[in-house]
């Protein structure tokens, strides 16, 4: 029997659905499992309104995820 995963999910990034999807993909490419919160809400309920979407990771992956995000922001800003 598989042991139940009791880890908490923590928000590491919040932005437009497009940016959140990019960050999720970047984290996944770096071996960090990530998921989006409320990613379906803008498309189903309010298609004309852009709402921020959160990227969540397991608590144990928080530091690694933040390092990947900080590196992305540094490169994005020309640093």
PDB file of N, CA and C in Angstrom:
ATOM      1  N   UNK A   1       0.837  -1.188   0.000  1.00  0.00           N
ATOM      2  CA  UNK A   1       0.000   0.000   0.000  1.00  0.00           C
ATOM      3  C   UNK A   1       0.881   1.249   0.000  1.00  0.00           C
ATOM      4  N   UNK A   2       0.568   2.169  -0.883  1.00  0.00           N
ATOM      5  CA  UNK A   2       1.361   3.396  -1.011  1.00  0.00           C
ATOM      6  C   UNK A   2       1.043   4.353   0.143  1.00  0.00           C
ATOM      7  N   UNK A   3       2.104   4.905   0.708  1.00  0.00           N
ATOM      8  CA  UNK A   3       1.919   5.855   1.812  1.00  0.00           C
ATOM      9  C   UNK A   3       1.332   7.159   1.270  1.00  0.00           C
ATOM     10  N   UNK A   4       0.358   7.702   1.973  1.00  0.00           N
ATOM     11  CA  UNK A   4      -0.304   8.938   1.547  1.00  0.00           C
ATOM     12  C   UNK A   4       0.654  10.119   1.668  1.00  0.00           C
ATOM     13  N   UNK A   5       0.657  10.976   0.646  1.00  0.00           N
ATOM     14  CA  UNK A   5       1.509  12.172   0.648  1.00  0.00           C
ATOM     15  C   UNK A   5       0.847  13.235   1.504  1.00  0.00           C
ATOM     16  N   UNK A   6       1.511  13.621   2.587  1.00  0.00           N
ATOM     17  CA  UNK A   6       0.936  14.600   3.511  1.00  0.00           C
ATOM     18  C   UNK A   6       1.615  15.969   3.399  1.00  0.00           C
ATOM     19  N   UNK A   7       2.389  16.173   2.340  1.00  0.00           N
ATOM     20  CA  UNK A   7       3.081  17.447   2.194  1.00  0.00           C
ATOM     21  C   UNK A   7       2.082  18.552   1.842  1.00  0.00           C
ATOM     22  N   UNK A   8       2.446  19.767   2.212  1.00  0.00           N
ATOM     23  CA  UNK A   8       1.607  20.930   1.937  1.00  0.00           C
ATOM     24  C   UNK A   8       2.019  21.548   0.609  1.00  0.00           C
ATOM     25  N   UNK A   9       1.059  22.167  -0.055  1.00  0.00           N
ATOM     26  CA  UNK A   9       1.345  22.920  -1.265  1.00  0.00           C
ATOM     27  C   UNK A   9       1.523  24.381  -0.881  1.00  0.00           C
ATOM     28  N   UNK A  10       2.547  24.997  -1.474  1.00  0.00           N
ATOM     29  CA  UNK A  10       2.877  26.390  -1.163  1.00  0.00           C
ATOM     30  C   UNK A  10       2.932  27.189  -2.462  1.00  0.00           C
ATOM     31  N   UNK A  11       2.377  28.393  -2.422  1.00  0.00           N
ATOM     32  CA  UNK A  11       2.421  29.283  -3.575  1.00  0.00           C
ATOM     33  C   UNK A  11       3.826  29.870  -3.709  1.00  0.00           C
ATOM     34  N   UNK A  12       4.389  29.752  -4.912  1.00  0.00           N
ATOM     35  CA  UNK A  12       5.730  30.300  -5.157  1.00  0.00           C
ATOM     36  C   UNK A  12       5.718  31.409  -6.199  1.00  0.00           C
ATOM     37  N   UNK A  13       4.605  31.560  -6.911  1.00  0.00           N
ATOM     38  CA  UNK A  13       4.558  32.556  -7.984  1.00  0.00           C
ATOM     39  C   UNK A  13       3.095  32.845  -8.296  1.00  0.00           C
ATOM     40  N   UNK A  14       2.812  34.075  -8.675  1.00  0.00           N
ATOM     41  CA  UNK A  14       1.450  34.447  -9.061  1.00  0.00           C
ATOM     42  C   UNK A  14       1.537  35.484 -10.167  1.00  0.00           C
ATOM     43  N   UNK A  15       0.823  35.227 -11.256  1.00  0.00           N
ATOM     44  CA  UNK A  15       0.869  36.146 -12.386  1.00  0.00           C
ATOM     45  C   UNK A  15      -0.279  35.811 -13.344  1.00  0.00           C
ATOM     46  N   UNK A  16      -0.181  36.333 -14.548  1.00  0.00           N
ATOM     47  CA  UNK A  16      -1.181  36.033 -15.574  1.00  0.00           C
ATOM     48  C   UNK A  16      -1.138  34.539 -15.894  1.00  0.00           C
ATOM     49  N   UNK A  17      -2.212  34.010 -16.439  1.00  0.00           N
ATOM     50  CA  UNK A  17      -2.206  32.584 -16.792  1.00  0.00           C
ATOM     51  C   UNK A  17      -1.029  32.202 -17.692  1.00  0.00           C
ATOM     52  N   UNK A  18      -0.668  33.067 -18.623  1.00  0.00           N
ATOM     53  CA  UNK A  18       0.446  32.798 -19.545  1.00  0.00           C
ATOM     54  C   UNK A  18       1.773  32.693 -18.788  1.00  0.00           C
ATOM     55  N   UNK A  19       2.077  33.676 -17.957  1.00  0.00           N
ATOM     56  CA  UNK A  19       3.329  33.668 -17.184  1.00  0.00           C
ATOM     57  C   UNK A  19       3.364  32.502 -16.203  1.00  0.00           C
ATOM     58  N   UNK A  20       2.234  32.235 -15.545  1.00  0.00           N
ATOM     59  CA  UNK A  20       2.172  31.136 -14.584  1.00  0.00           C
ATOM     60  C   UNK A  20       2.450  29.803 -15.271  1.00  0.00           C
ATOM     61  N   UNK A  21       1.913  29.628 -16.466  1.00  0.00           N
ATOM     62  CA  UNK A  21       2.150  28.383 -17.222  1.00  0.00           C
ATOM     63  C   UNK A  21       3.628  28.259 -17.594  1.00  0.00           C
ATOM     64  N   UNK A  22       4.255  29.366 -17.966  1.00  0.00           N
ATOM     65  CA  UNK A  22       5.693  29.346 -18.285  1.00  0.00           C
ATOM     66  C   UNK A  22       6.523  28.951 -17.066  1.00  0.00           C
ATOM     67  N   UNK A  23       6.211  29.527 -15.912  1.00  0.00           N
ATOM     68  CA  UNK A  23       6.947  29.212 -14.681  1.00  0.00           C
ATOM     69  C   UNK A  23       6.725  27.750 -14.295  1.00  0.00           C
ATOM     70  N   UNK A  24       5.499  27.283 -14.410  1.00  0.00           N
ATOM     71  CA  UNK A  24       5.210  25.873 -14.110  1.00  0.00           C
ATOM     72  C   UNK A  24       6.060  24.966 -14.999  1.00  0.00           C
ATOM     73  N   UNK A  25       6.125  25.254 -16.278  1.00  0.00           N
ATOM     74  CA  UNK A  25       6.933  24.464 -17.205  1.00  0.00           C
ATOM     75  C   UNK A  25       8.408  24.509 -16.863  1.00  0.00           C
ATOM     76  N   UNK A  26       8.891  25.670 -16.475  1.00  0.00           N
ATOM     77  CA  UNK A  26      10.292  25.819 -16.090  1.00  0.00           C
ATOM     78  C   UNK A  26      10.604  24.996 -14.843  1.00  0.00           C
ATOM     79  N   UNK A  27       9.724  25.041 -13.869  1.00  0.00           N
ATOM     80  CA  UNK A  27       9.922  24.251 -12.655  1.00  0.00           C
ATOM     81  C   UNK A  27       9.901  22.754 -12.980  1.00  0.00           C
ATOM     82  N   UNK A  28       8.932  22.324 -13.783  1.00  0.00           N
ATOM     83  CA  UNK A  28       8.857  20.917 -14.166  1.00  0.00           C
ATOM     84  C   UNK A  28      10.128  20.480 -14.892  1.00  0.00           C
ATOM     85  N   UNK A  29      10.650  21.344 -15.761  1.00  0.00           N
ATOM     86  CA  UNK A  29      11.881  21.034 -16.494  1.00  0.00           C
ATOM     87  C   UNK A  29      13.079  20.906 -15.566  1.00  0.00           C
ATOM     88  N   UNK A  30      12.999  21.526 -14.388  1.00  0.00           N
ATOM     89  CA  UNK A  30      14.070  21.457 -13.393  1.00  0.00           C
ATOM     90  C   UNK A  30      13.787  20.393 -12.329  1.00  0.00           C
ATOM     91  N   UNK A  31      12.849  19.502 -12.616  1.00  0.00           N
ATOM     92  CA  UNK A  31      12.578  18.390 -11.712  1.00  0.00           C
ATOM     93  C   UNK A  31      11.721  18.725 -10.505  1.00  0.00           C
ATOM     94  N   UNK A  32      11.025  19.867 -10.547  1.00  0.00           N
ATOM     95  CA  UNK A  32      10.167  20.278  -9.438  1.00  0.00           C
ATOM     96  C   UNK A  32       8.720  20.194  -9.908  1.00  0.00           C
ATOM     97  N   UNK A  33       7.949  19.331  -9.282  1.00  0.00           N
ATOM     98  CA  UNK A  33       6.553  19.181  -9.647  1.00  0.00           C
ATOM     99  C   UNK A  33       5.777  20.419  -9.223  1.00  0.00           C
ATOM    100  N   UNK A  34       5.066  21.006 -10.165  1.00  0.00           N
ATOM    101  CA  UNK A  34       4.302  22.222  -9.887  1.00  0.00           C
ATOM    102  C   UNK A  34       2.908  22.087 -10.467  1.00  0.00           C
ATOM    103  N   UNK A  35       1.983  22.840  -9.893  1.00  0.00           N
ATOM    104  CA  UNK A  35       0.620  22.855 -10.417  1.00  0.00           C
ATOM    105  C   UNK A  35       0.075  24.276 -10.352  1.00  0.00           C
ATOM    106  N   UNK A  36      -0.965  24.518 -11.123  1.00  0.00           N
ATOM    107  CA  UNK A  36      -1.594  25.832 -11.145  1.00  0.00           C
ATOM    108  C   UNK A  36      -2.871  25.802 -10.324  1.00  0.00           C
ATOM    109  N   UNK A  37      -3.128  26.899  -9.628  1.00  0.00           N
ATOM    110  CA  UNK A  37      -4.360  27.038  -8.852  1.00  0.00           C
ATOM    111  C   UNK A  37      -5.252  28.052  -9.551  1.00  0.00           C
ATOM    112  N   UNK A  38      -6.519  27.695  -9.716  1.00  0.00           N
ATOM    113  CA  UNK A  38      -7.518  28.550 -10.361  1.00  0.00           C
ATOM    114  C   UNK A  38      -7.231  28.773 -11.844  1.00  0.00           C
ATOM    115  N   UNK A  39      -6.543  27.842 -12.488  1.00  0.00           N
ATOM    116  CA  UNK A  39      -6.192  28.033 -13.890  1.00  0.00           C
ATOM    117  C   UNK A  39      -7.392  27.939 -14.826  1.00  0.00           C
ATOM    118  N   UNK A  40      -8.473  27.260 -14.406  1.00  0.00           N
ATOM    119  CA  UNK A  40      -9.650  27.146 -15.263  1.00  0.00           C
ATOM    120  C   UNK A  40     -10.640  28.284 -15.056  1.00  0.00           C
ATOM    121  N   UNK A  41     -10.610  28.936 -13.918  1.00  0.00           N
ATOM    122  CA  UNK A  41     -11.576  29.976 -13.590  1.00  0.00           C
ATOM    123  C   UNK A  41     -11.680  31.079 -14.649  1.00  0.00           C
ATOM    124  N   UNK A  42     -10.573  31.676 -15.107  1.00  0.00           N
ATOM    125  CA  UNK A  42     -10.711  32.765 -16.078  1.00  0.00           C
ATOM    126  C   UNK A  42     -11.353  32.318 -17.389  1.00  0.00           C
ATOM    127  N   UNK A  43     -11.095  31.085 -17.818  1.00  0.00           N
ATOM    128  CA  UNK A  43     -11.614  30.625 -19.104  1.00  0.00           C
ATOM    129  C   UNK A  43     -13.085  30.257 -19.053  1.00  0.00           C
ATOM    130  N   UNK A  44     -13.545  29.749 -17.935  1.00  0.00           N
ATOM    131  CA  UNK A  44     -14.922  29.261 -17.845  1.00  0.00           C
ATOM    132  C   UNK A  44     -15.892  30.346 -17.385  1.00  0.00           C
ATOM    133  N   UNK A  45     -15.568  31.021 -16.312  1.00  0.00           N
ATOM    134  CA  UNK A  45     -16.522  31.950 -15.706  1.00  0.00           C
ATOM    135  C   UNK A  45     -16.438  33.347 -16.305  1.00  0.00           C
ATOM    136  N   UNK A  46     -15.243  33.867 -16.442  1.00  0.00           N
ATOM    137  CA  UNK A  46     -15.070  35.229 -16.939  1.00  0.00           C
ATOM    138  C   UNK A  46     -14.064  35.252 -18.093  1.00  0.00           C
ATOM    139  N   UNK A  47     -14.450  34.810 -19.281  1.00  0.00           N
ATOM    140  CA  UNK A  47     -13.492  34.685 -20.378  1.00  0.00           C
ATOM    141  C   UNK A  47     -12.843  35.998 -20.807  1.00  0.00           C
ATOM    142  N   UNK A  48     -13.478  37.135 -20.563  1.00  0.00           N
ATOM    143  CA  UNK A  48     -12.912  38.411 -20.996  1.00  0.00           C
ATOM    144  C   UNK A  48     -12.006  39.045 -19.942  1.00  0.00           C
ATOM    145  N   UNK A  49     -11.945  38.458 -18.758  1.00  0.00           N
ATOM    146  CA  UNK A  49     -11.170  39.036 -17.664  1.00  0.00           C
ATOM    147  C   UNK A  49      -9.934  38.177 -17.405  1.00  0.00           C
ATOM    148  N   UNK A  50      -8.782  38.836 -17.349  1.00  0.00           N
ATOM    149  CA  UNK A  50      -7.556  38.108 -17.028  1.00  0.00           C
ATOM    150  C   UNK A  50      -7.346  38.161 -15.525  1.00  0.00           C
ATOM    151  N   UNK A  51      -7.269  36.986 -14.910  1.00  0.00           N
ATOM    152  CA  UNK A  51      -7.068  36.902 -13.466  1.00  0.00           C
ATOM    153  C   UNK A  51      -5.717  36.261 -13.200  1.00  0.00           C
ATOM    154  N   UNK A  52      -5.111  36.606 -12.085  1.00  0.00           N
ATOM    155  CA  UNK A  52      -3.844  35.995 -11.727  1.00  0.00           C
ATOM    156  C   UNK A  52      -4.038  34.534 -11.357  1.00  0.00           C
ATOM    157  N   UNK A  53      -3.032  33.748 -11.696  1.00  0.00           N
ATOM    158  CA  UNK A  53      -3.027  32.321 -11.415  1.00  0.00           C
ATOM    159  C   UNK A  53      -1.809  32.038 -10.549  1.00  0.00           C
ATOM    160  N   UNK A  54      -1.979  31.202  -9.532  1.00  0.00           N
ATOM    161  CA  UNK A  54      -0.886  30.856  -8.623  1.00  0.00           C
ATOM    162  C   UNK A  54      -0.215  29.567  -9.065  1.00  0.00           C
ATOM    163  N   UNK A  55       1.105  29.522  -8.902  1.00  0.00           N
ATOM    164  CA  UNK A  55       1.881  28.303  -9.129  1.00  0.00           C
ATOM    165  C   UNK A  55       2.197  27.729  -7.755  1.00  0.00           C
ATOM    166  N   UNK A  56       1.862  26.457  -7.560  1.00  0.00           N
ATOM    167  CA  UNK A  56       2.063  25.789  -6.278  1.00  0.00           C
ATOM    168  C   UNK A  56       3.072  24.654  -6.409  1.00  0.00           C
ATOM    169  N   UNK A  57       3.866  24.469  -5.356  1.00  0.00           N
ATOM    170  CA  UNK A  57       4.803  23.346  -5.284  1.00  0.00           C
ATOM    171  C   UNK A  57       4.680  22.706  -3.907  1.00  0.00           C
ATOM    172  N   UNK A  58       5.195  21.502  -3.777  1.00  0.00           N
ATOM    173  CA  UNK A  58       5.249  20.857  -2.467  1.00  0.00           C
ATOM    174  C   UNK A  58       6.169  21.652  -1.558  1.00  0.00           C
ATOM    175  N   UNK A  59       5.841  21.660  -0.290  1.00  0.00           N
ATOM    176  CA  UNK A  59       6.621  22.397   0.705  1.00  0.00           C
ATOM    177  C   UNK A  59       8.105  22.035   0.650  1.00  0.00           C
ATOM    178  N   UNK A  60       8.412  20.760   0.443  1.00  0.00           N
ATOM    179  CA  UNK A  60       9.812  20.310   0.409  1.00  0.00           C
ATOM    180  C   UNK A  60      10.577  20.884  -0.789  1.00  0.00           C
ATOM    181  N   UNK A  61       9.870  21.317  -1.838  1.00  0.00           N
ATOM    182  CA  UNK A  61      10.508  21.853  -3.042  1.00  0.00           C
ATOM    183  C   UNK A  61      10.553  23.381  -3.061  1.00  0.00           C
ATOM    184  N   UNK A  62      10.111  24.016  -1.983  1.00  0.00           N
ATOM    185  CA  UNK A  62       9.980  25.478  -1.967  1.00  0.00           C
ATOM    186  C   UNK A  62      11.294  26.188  -2.293  1.00  0.00           C
ATOM    187  N   UNK A  63      12.365  25.861  -1.580  1.00  0.00           N
ATOM    188  CA  UNK A  63      13.642  26.563  -1.787  1.00  0.00           C
ATOM    189  C   UNK A  63      14.160  26.393  -3.215  1.00  0.00           C
ATOM    190  N   UNK A  64      14.093  25.170  -3.726  1.00  0.00           N
ATOM    191  CA  UNK A  64      14.539  24.927  -5.097  1.00  0.00           C
ATOM    192  C   UNK A  64      13.713  25.689  -6.109  1.00  0.00           C
ATOM    193  N   UNK A  65      12.403  25.724  -5.890  1.00  0.00           N
ATOM    194  CA  UNK A  65      11.514  26.447  -6.796  1.00  0.00           C
ATOM    195  C   UNK A  65      11.812  27.938  -6.782  1.00  0.00           C
ATOM    196  N   UNK A  66      12.023  28.493  -5.595  1.00  0.00           N
ATOM    197  CA  UNK A  66      12.319  29.927  -5.502  1.00  0.00           C
ATOM    198  C   UNK A  66      13.641  30.265  -6.172  1.00  0.00           C
ATOM    199  N   UNK A  67      14.616  29.378  -6.092  1.00  0.00           N
ATOM    200  CA  UNK A  67      15.907  29.604  -6.764  1.00  0.00           C
ATOM    201  C   UNK A  67      15.715  29.648  -8.279  1.00  0.00           C
ATOM    202  N   UNK A  68      14.925  28.727  -8.815  1.00  0.00           N
ATOM    203  CA  UNK A  68      14.644  28.696 -10.255  1.00  0.00           C
ATOM    204  C   UNK A  68      13.912  29.973 -10.663  1.00  0.00           C
ATOM    205  N   UNK A  69      12.941  30.399  -9.867  1.00  0.00           N
ATOM    206  CA  UNK A  69      12.172  31.606 -10.184  1.00  0.00           C
ATOM    207  C   UNK A  69      13.054  32.852 -10.100  1.00  0.00           C
ATOM    208  N   UNK A  70      13.895  32.938  -9.073  1.00  0.00           N
ATOM    209  CA  UNK A  70      14.807  34.090  -8.956  1.00  0.00           C
ATOM    210  C   UNK A  70      15.756  34.162 -10.144  1.00  0.00           C
ATOM    211  N   UNK A  71      16.261  33.020 -10.579  1.00  0.00           N
ATOM    212  CA  UNK A  71      17.170  32.975 -11.730  1.00  0.00           C
ATOM    213  C   UNK A  71      16.434  33.423 -13.002  1.00  0.00           C
ATOM    214  N   UNK A  72      15.182  33.009 -13.142  1.00  0.00           N
ATOM    215  CA  UNK A  72      14.378  33.418 -14.299  1.00  0.00           C
ATOM    216  C   UNK A  72      14.173  34.926 -14.295  1.00  0.00           C
ATOM    217  N   UNK A  73      13.827  35.472 -13.145  1.00  0.00           N
ATOM    218  CA  UNK A  73      13.586  36.922 -13.042  1.00  0.00           C
ATOM    219  C   UNK A  73      14.872  37.701 -13.345  1.00  0.00           C
ATOM    220  N   UNK A  74      15.999  37.207 -12.860  1.00  0.00           N
ATOM    221  CA  UNK A  74      17.281  37.860 -13.106  1.00  0.00           C
ATOM    222  C   UNK A  74      17.579  37.879 -14.607  1.00  0.00           C
ATOM    223  N   UNK A  75      17.378  36.755 -15.282  1.00  0.00           N
ATOM    224  CA  UNK A  75      17.628  36.672 -16.716  1.00  0.00           C
ATOM    225  C   UNK A  75      16.622  37.493 -17.502  1.00  0.00           C
ATOM    226  N   UNK A  76      15.381  37.504 -17.049  1.00  0.00           N
ATOM    227  CA  UNK A  76      14.314  38.263 -17.711  1.00  0.00           C
ATOM    228  C   UNK A  76      14.614  39.771 -17.642  1.00  0.00           C
ATOM    229  N   UNK A  77      15.202  40.208 -16.535  1.00  0.00           N
ATOM    230  CA  UNK A  77      15.503  41.622 -16.358  1.00  0.00           C
ATOM    231  C   UNK A  77      16.879  42.011 -16.861  1.00  0.00           C
ATOM    232  N   UNK A  78      17.497  41.115 -17.611  1.00  0.00           N
ATOM    233  CA  UNK A  78      18.801  41.418 -18.196  1.00  0.00           C
ATOM    234  C   UNK A  78      19.961  41.314 -17.242  1.00  0.00           C
ATOM    235  N   UNK A  79      19.789  40.623 -16.120  1.00  0.00           N
ATOM    236  CA  UNK A  79      20.835  40.516 -15.118  1.00  0.00           C
ATOM    237  C   UNK A  79      21.633  39.350 -15.277  1.00  0.00           C
TER     238      UNK A  79
END
